[in-house]
PDB file of N, CA and C in Angstrom:
ATOM      1  N   MET A   1     111.017  73.438  82.010  1.00  0.00           N
ATOM      2  CA  MET A   1     109.832  73.992  81.938  1.00  0.00           C
ATOM      3  C   MET A   1     109.186  73.108  81.072  1.00  0.00           C
ATOM      4  N   LYS A   2     107.395  73.620  81.900  1.00  0.00           N
ATOM      5  CA  LYS A   2     106.116  73.046  82.122  1.00  0.00           C
ATOM      6  C   LYS A   2     105.076  73.891  81.304  1.00  0.00           C
ATOM      7  N   ILE A   3     104.704  72.620  79.921  1.00  0.00           N
ATOM      8  CA  ILE A   3     103.770  73.284  79.618  1.00  0.00           C
ATOM      9  C   ILE A   3     102.687  72.013  79.259  1.00  0.00           C
ATOM     10  N   LEU A   4     101.651  72.290  78.085  1.00  0.00           N
ATOM     11  CA  LEU A   4      99.754  71.366  78.295  1.00  0.00           C
ATOM     12  C   LEU A   4     100.462  71.091  77.239  1.00  0.00           C
ATOM     13  N   VAL A   5     100.733  69.710  76.812  1.00  0.00           N
ATOM     14  CA  VAL A   5     101.068  68.729  75.668  1.00  0.00           C
ATOM     15  C   VAL A   5      98.384  68.628  75.145  1.00  0.00           C
ATOM     16  N   ILE A   6      97.956  68.919  74.272  1.00  0.00           N
ATOM     17  CA  ILE A   6      96.832  68.380  73.745  1.00  0.00           C
ATOM     18  C   ILE A   6      97.238  67.376  72.467  1.00  0.00           C
ATOM     19  N   ASN A   7      97.300  65.556  72.460  1.00  0.00           N
ATOM     20  CA  ASN A   7      97.010  65.554  72.343  1.00  0.00           C
ATOM     21  C   ASN A   7      95.369  64.410  70.895  1.00  0.00           C
ATOM     22  N   ASN A   8      95.304  65.416  70.051  1.00  0.00           N
ATOM     23  CA  ASN A   8      93.426  65.075  69.669  1.00  0.00           C
ATOM     24  C   ASN A   8      93.397  63.759  68.859  1.00  0.00           C
ATOM     25  N   ASP A   9      94.366  62.901  68.223  1.00  0.00           N
ATOM     26  CA  ASP A   9      95.003  62.276  67.340  1.00  0.00           C
ATOM     27  C   ASP A   9      94.227  60.195  68.147  1.00  0.00           C
ATOM     28  N   GLY A  10      93.379  60.151  67.681  1.00  0.00           N
ATOM     29  CA  GLY A  10      92.246  58.843  68.451  1.00  0.00           C
ATOM     30  C   GLY A  10      91.586  59.031  69.567  1.00  0.00           C
ATOM     31  N   ALA A  11      91.635  58.716  70.773  1.00  0.00           N
ATOM     32  CA  ALA A  11      91.184  58.625  71.688  1.00  0.00           C
ATOM     33  C   ALA A  11      91.694  60.162  72.466  1.00  0.00           C
ATOM     34  N   GLY A  12      93.022  60.512  72.447  1.00  0.00           N
ATOM     35  CA  GLY A  12      93.455  61.297  72.466  1.00  0.00           C
ATOM     36  C   GLY A  12      93.613  61.693  74.151  1.00  0.00           C
ATOM     37  N   PHE A  13      94.468  62.176  74.385  1.00  0.00           N
ATOM     38  CA  PHE A  13      94.957  63.115  75.661  1.00  0.00           C
ATOM     39  C   PHE A  13      95.522  64.265  75.323  1.00  0.00           C
ATOM     40  N   ALA A  14      95.481  64.603  77.289  1.00  0.00           N
ATOM     41  CA  ALA A  14      96.449  66.055  77.775  1.00  0.00           C
ATOM     42  C   ALA A  14      97.007  66.091  78.960  1.00  0.00           C
ATOM     43  N   ASP A  15      98.128  65.924  78.365  1.00  0.00           N
ATOM     44  CA  ASP A  15      99.489  66.305  80.177  1.00  0.00           C
ATOM     45  C   ASP A  15     100.081  67.064  80.546  1.00  0.00           C
ATOM     46  N   TYR A  16     100.743  67.141  80.865  1.00  0.00           N
ATOM     47  CA  TYR A  16     101.780  68.817  81.273  1.00  0.00           C
ATOM     48  C   TYR A  16     103.401  67.403  81.107  1.00  0.00           C
ATOM     49  N   VAL A  17     103.219  68.414  79.979  1.00  0.00           N
ATOM     50  CA  VAL A  17     105.499  67.483  79.801  1.00  0.00           C
ATOM     51  C   VAL A  17     106.368  68.851  80.312  1.00  0.00           C
ATOM     52  N   HIS A  18     106.994  68.424  80.782  1.00  0.00           N
ATOM     53  CA  HIS A  18     108.598  69.299  81.145  1.00  0.00           C
ATOM     54  C   HIS A  18     109.449  68.948  79.693  1.00  0.00           C
ATOM     55  N   ILE A  19     109.928  70.256  79.638  1.00  0.00           N
ATOM     56  CA  ILE A  19     110.743  70.271  77.977  1.00  0.00           C
ATOM     57  C   ILE A  19     111.793  71.370  78.293  1.00  0.00           C
ATOM     58  N   GLU A  20     113.134  71.262  77.410  1.00  0.00           N
ATOM     59  CA  GLU A  20     114.132  71.774  77.261  1.00  0.00           C
ATOM     60  C   GLU A  20     113.935  72.701  77.442  1.00  0.00           C
ATOM     61  N   PRO A  21     114.393  74.045  78.018  1.00  0.00           N
ATOM     62  CA  PRO A  21     113.715  75.857  76.870  1.00  0.00           C
ATOM     63  C   PRO A  21     114.930  75.451  75.870  1.00  0.00           C
ATOM     64  N   GLY A  22     114.638  76.091  75.035  1.00  0.00           N
ATOM     65  CA  GLY A  22     114.385  76.324  73.390  1.00  0.00           C
ATOM     66  C   GLY A  22     113.652  75.224  72.669  1.00  0.00           C
ATOM     67  N   THR A  23     112.784  74.629  72.908  1.00  0.00           N
ATOM     68  CA  THR A  23     112.432  73.315  72.551  1.00  0.00           C
ATOM     69  C   THR A  23     111.903  73.744  71.233  1.00  0.00           C
ATOM     70  N   SER A  24     112.385  73.371  69.929  1.00  0.00           N
ATOM     71  CA  SER A  24     110.460  74.150  69.321  1.00  0.00           C
ATOM     72  C   SER A  24     109.911  72.812  69.244  1.00  0.00           C
ATOM     73  N   VAL A  25     108.767  73.205  67.878  1.00  0.00           N
ATOM     74  CA  VAL A  25     107.626  72.952  68.442  1.00  0.00           C
ATOM     75  C   VAL A  25     107.959  72.188  67.175  1.00  0.00           C
ATOM     76  N   ARG A  26     108.341  71.542  65.867  1.00  0.00           N
ATOM     77  CA  ARG A  26     108.243  70.302  65.488  1.00  0.00           C
ATOM     78  C   ARG A  26     109.044  69.940  66.512  1.00  0.00           C
ATOM     79  N   LYS A  27     110.183  69.515  66.972  1.00  0.00           N
ATOM     80  CA  LYS A  27     111.227  68.877  67.892  1.00  0.00           C
ATOM     81  C   LYS A  27     110.177  68.078  68.770  1.00  0.00           C
ATOM     82  N   LEU A  28     109.475  68.641  69.753  1.00  0.00           N
ATOM     83  CA  LEU A  28     107.755  68.672  70.286  1.00  0.00           C
ATOM     84  C   LEU A  28     107.264  67.895  69.465  1.00  0.00           C
ATOM     85  N   PHE A  29     107.368  68.461  68.750  1.00  0.00           N
ATOM     86  CA  PHE A  29     106.222  67.086  67.196  1.00  0.00           C
ATOM     87  C   PHE A  29     106.881  65.387  67.942  1.00  0.00           C
ATOM     88  N   GLU A  30     107.948  65.273  66.966  1.00  0.00           N
ATOM     89  CA  GLU A  30     108.542  64.577  66.935  1.00  0.00           C
ATOM     90  C   GLU A  30     108.731  63.303  67.577  1.00  0.00           C
ATOM     91  N   ARG A  31     108.924  64.545  68.812  1.00  0.00           N
ATOM     92  CA  ARG A  31     108.692  63.856  70.612  1.00  0.00           C
ATOM     93  C   ARG A  31     107.589  62.316  70.721  1.00  0.00           C
ATOM     94  N   GLN A  32     106.670  63.523  70.212  1.00  0.00           N
ATOM     95  CA  GLN A  32     105.015  63.346  70.810  1.00  0.00           C
ATOM     96  C   GLN A  32     104.328  62.294  70.625  1.00  0.00           C
ATOM     97  N   VAL A  33     104.297  62.483  68.591  1.00  0.00           N
ATOM     98  CA  VAL A  33     103.581  61.703  67.955  1.00  0.00           C
ATOM     99  C   VAL A  33     104.036  60.225  66.916  1.00  0.00           C
ATOM    100  N   ARG A  34     103.632  59.751  66.552  1.00  0.00           N
ATOM    101  CA  ARG A  34     104.067  58.762  65.973  1.00  0.00           C
ATOM    102  C   ARG A  34     104.343  58.586  64.419  1.00  0.00           C
ATOM    103  N   ASP A  35     103.244  59.134  64.033  1.00  0.00           N
ATOM    104  CA  ASP A  35     102.943  59.713  62.679  1.00  0.00           C
ATOM    105  C   ASP A  35     104.291  61.397  62.682  1.00  0.00           C
ATOM    106  N   PRO A  36     104.979  60.825  62.249  1.00  0.00           N
ATOM    107  CA  PRO A  36     106.543  61.365  61.551  1.00  0.00           C
ATOM    108  C   PRO A  36     106.819  62.945  60.686  1.00  0.00           C
ATOM    109  N   ARG A  37     104.635  63.258  59.705  1.00  0.00           N
ATOM    110  CA  ARG A  37     104.854  63.334  58.985  1.00  0.00           C
ATOM    111  C   ARG A  37     104.041  64.986  60.034  1.00  0.00           C
ATOM    112  N   PRO A  38     103.821  65.813  59.910  1.00  0.00           N
ATOM    113  CA  PRO A  38     103.618  67.185  60.135  1.00  0.00           C
ATOM    114  C   PRO A  38     102.522  67.743  59.773  1.00  0.00           C
ATOM    115  N   GLU A  39     103.070  67.516  58.103  1.00  0.00           N
ATOM    116  CA  GLU A  39     101.444  68.000  57.122  1.00  0.00           C
ATOM    117  C   GLU A  39     100.136  66.820  57.004  1.00  0.00           C
ATOM    118  N   ASN A  40     100.092  66.622  58.756  1.00  0.00           N
ATOM    119  CA  ASN A  40      99.592  65.328  58.583  1.00  0.00           C
ATOM    120  C   ASN A  40      98.565  66.144  59.684  1.00  0.00           C
ATOM    121  N   TYR A  41      98.866  67.013  60.102  1.00  0.00           N
ATOM    122  CA  TYR A  41      98.662  67.642  61.684  1.00  0.00           C
ATOM    123  C   TYR A  41      98.344  69.389  61.610  1.00  0.00           C
ATOM    124  N   LEU A  42      97.232  69.507  62.132  1.00  0.00           N
ATOM    125  CA  LEU A  42      96.763  70.956  62.530  1.00  0.00           C
ATOM    126  C   LEU A  42      97.453  71.228  64.119  1.00  0.00           C
ATOM    127  N   ILE A  43      98.295  71.859  63.825  1.00  0.00           N
ATOM    128  CA  ILE A  43      99.122  72.110  65.152  1.00  0.00           C
ATOM    129  C   ILE A  43      99.123  73.750  65.773  1.00  0.00           C
ATOM    130  N   ARG A  44      98.644  74.314  66.681  1.00  0.00           N
ATOM    131  CA  ARG A  44      98.124  74.848  67.641  1.00  0.00           C
ATOM    132  C   ARG A  44      98.930  75.348  68.711  1.00  0.00           C
ATOM    133  N   VAL A  45      99.394  76.518  68.727  1.00  0.00           N
ATOM    134  CA  VAL A  45     100.399  76.948  70.025  1.00  0.00           C
ATOM    135  C   VAL A  45      99.175  77.925  71.187  1.00  0.00           C
ATOM    136  N   ASN A  46      98.763  77.020  72.172  1.00  0.00           N
ATOM    137  CA  ASN A  46      97.649  78.743  72.875  1.00  0.00           C
ATOM    138  C   ASN A  46      97.187  78.547  71.821  1.00  0.00           C
ATOM    139  N   ARG A  47      96.067  77.932  70.857  1.00  0.00           N
ATOM    140  CA  ARG A  47      94.506  77.973  70.085  1.00  0.00           C
ATOM    141  C   ARG A  47      95.675  78.655  69.121  1.00  0.00           C
ATOM    142  N   LEU A  48      96.675  78.885  68.460  1.00  0.00           N
ATOM    143  CA  LEU A  48      97.137  79.759  67.464  1.00  0.00           C
ATOM    144  C   LEU A  48      97.543  79.028  66.334  1.00  0.00           C
ATOM    145  N   PRO A  49      97.721  78.724  64.459  1.00  0.00           N
ATOM    146  CA  PRO A  49      98.991  78.051  63.914  1.00  0.00           C
ATOM    147  C   PRO A  49     100.291  78.375  64.458  1.00  0.00           C
ATOM    148  N   ALA A  50     100.386  77.426  64.655  1.00  0.00           N
ATOM    149  CA  ALA A  50     102.605  77.630  64.193  1.00  0.00           C
ATOM    150  C   ALA A  50     103.015  76.904  63.731  1.00  0.00           C
ATOM    151  N   PRO A  51     104.140  78.173  63.493  1.00  0.00           N
ATOM    152  CA  PRO A  51     105.513  77.194  62.365  1.00  0.00           C
ATOM    153  C   PRO A  51     106.145  76.111  63.505  1.00  0.00           C
ATOM    154  N   ALA A  52     107.345  75.697  62.418  1.00  0.00           N
ATOM    155  CA  ALA A  52     107.686  74.889  63.378  1.00  0.00           C
ATOM    156  C   ALA A  52     109.160  75.000  63.933  1.00  0.00           C
ATOM    157  N   ASP A  53     109.630  76.038  63.094  1.00  0.00           N
ATOM    158  CA  ASP A  53     110.281  76.816  63.862  1.00  0.00           C
ATOM    159  C   ASP A  53     110.026  77.633  65.782  1.00  0.00           C
ATOM    160  N   GLN A  54     108.860  77.450  65.786  1.00  0.00           N
ATOM    161  CA  GLN A  54     108.377  78.548  67.026  1.00  0.00           C
ATOM    162  C   GLN A  54     109.017  77.961  68.327  1.00  0.00           C
ATOM    163  N   VAL A  55     109.222  78.575  68.886  1.00  0.00           N
ATOM    164  CA  VAL A  55     110.310  77.817  70.623  1.00  0.00           C
ATOM    165  C   VAL A  55     109.027  77.780  71.248  1.00  0.00           C
ATOM    166  N   LEU A  56     109.071  77.496  71.632  1.00  0.00           N
ATOM    167  CA  LEU A  56     107.870  77.024  73.106  1.00  0.00           C
ATOM    168  C   LEU A  56     108.223  77.745  74.570  1.00  0.00           C
ATOM    169  N   GLN A  57     107.276  78.011  74.600  1.00  0.00           N
ATOM    170  CA  GLN A  57     107.627  78.990  76.287  1.00  0.00           C
ATOM    171  C   GLN A  57     107.049  78.525  77.482  1.00  0.00           C
ATOM    172  N   GLU A  58     107.605  79.319  78.439  1.00  0.00           N
ATOM    173  CA  GLU A  58     106.968  78.204  79.688  1.00  0.00           C
ATOM    174  C   GLU A  58     105.333  78.021  79.873  1.00  0.00           C
ATOM    175  N   GLY A  59     104.575  77.515  80.243  1.00  0.00           N
ATOM    176  CA  GLY A  59     102.979  77.670  80.156  1.00  0.00           C
ATOM    177  C   GLY A  59     102.272  77.737  79.100  1.00  0.00           C
ATOM    178  N   ASP A  60     103.195  77.359  77.438  1.00  0.00           N
ATOM    179  CA  ASP A  60     102.037  77.662  76.422  1.00  0.00           C
ATOM    180  C   ASP A  60     101.347  76.081  76.323  1.00  0.00           C
ATOM    181  N   ARG A  61     100.262  76.143  75.005  1.00  0.00           N
ATOM    182  CA  ARG A  61      99.620  75.813  75.350  1.00  0.00           C
ATOM    183  C   ARG A  61     100.122  75.100  73.931  1.00  0.00           C
ATOM    184  N   ILE A  62      99.841  73.471  73.533  1.00  0.00           N
ATOM    185  CA  ILE A  62     100.302  73.058  72.354  1.00  0.00           C
ATOM    186  C   ILE A  62      98.982  72.000  72.156  1.00  0.00           C
ATOM    187  N   SER A  63      98.369  71.821  70.276  1.00  0.00           N
ATOM    188  CA  SER A  63      97.538  70.837  70.387  1.00  0.00           C
ATOM    189  C   SER A  63      97.840  69.947  68.987  1.00  0.00           C
ATOM    190  N   PHE A  64      98.584  68.949  69.204  1.00  0.00           N
ATOM    191  CA  PHE A  64      97.725  68.728  67.303  1.00  0.00           C
ATOM    192  C   PHE A  64      96.393  67.854  66.828  1.00  0.00           C
ATOM    193  N   THR A  65      95.721  68.110  65.987  1.00  0.00           N
ATOM    194  CA  THR A  65      94.556  66.877  65.691  1.00  0.00           C
ATOM    195  C   THR A  65      94.946  67.623  64.127  1.00  0.00           C
ATOM    196  N   PRO A  66      94.723  65.765  64.124  1.00  0.00           N
ATOM    197  CA  PRO A  66      94.619  64.777  61.996  1.00  0.00           C
ATOM    198  C   PRO A  66      93.537  66.029  61.013  1.00  0.00           C
ATOM    199  N   VAL A  67      94.736  66.128  60.536  1.00  0.00           N
ATOM    200  CA  VAL A  67      93.467  66.723  59.684  1.00  0.00           C
ATOM    201  C   VAL A  67      93.041  65.710  59.023  1.00  0.00           C
ATOM    202  N   LYS A  68      93.326  64.505  58.782  1.00  0.00           N
ATOM    203  CA  LYS A  68      92.731  63.092  58.599  1.00  0.00           C
ATOM    204  C   LYS A  68      92.709  62.293  59.491  1.00  0.00           C
ATOM    205  N   ILE A  69      91.327  61.620  59.388  1.00  0.00           N
ATOM    206  CA  ILE A  69      90.922  60.787  60.231  1.00  0.00           C
ATOM    207  C   ILE A  69      90.928  59.115  59.672  1.00  0.00           C
ATOM    208  N   GLU A  70      91.544  58.473  60.606  1.00  0.00           N
ATOM    209  CA  GLU A  70      91.360  56.825  59.267  1.00  0.00           C
ATOM    210  C   GLU A  70      90.546  56.535  59.869  1.00  0.00           C
ATOM    211  N   GLY A  71      89.737  56.226  58.481  1.00  0.00           N
ATOM    212  CA  GLY A  71      88.959  54.592  58.288  1.00  0.00           C
ATOM    213  C   GLY A  71      87.234  56.007  58.126  1.00  0.00           C
ATOM    214  N   ALA A  72      87.466  57.014  57.782  1.00  0.00           N
ATOM    215  CA  ALA A  72      86.382  58.189  58.026  1.00  0.00           C
ATOM    216  C   ALA A  72      86.537  59.037  56.500  1.00  0.00           C
TER     217      ALA A  72
END
């Protein structure tokens, strides 16, 4: 499956990634983000807050935005 991942950490980036069917928000977070603490991020799927166990679907748009910015 192909989804759009938007990582707003640091300089940020957006890119399409391929994932296995049945991949949860938590699994993708662990794969994409260096910080292992999801409580430090606002995680949204299709612009709505998402639970960790939500299963991602083809064409979803997921974003990871830190709630605190280092040095600020």
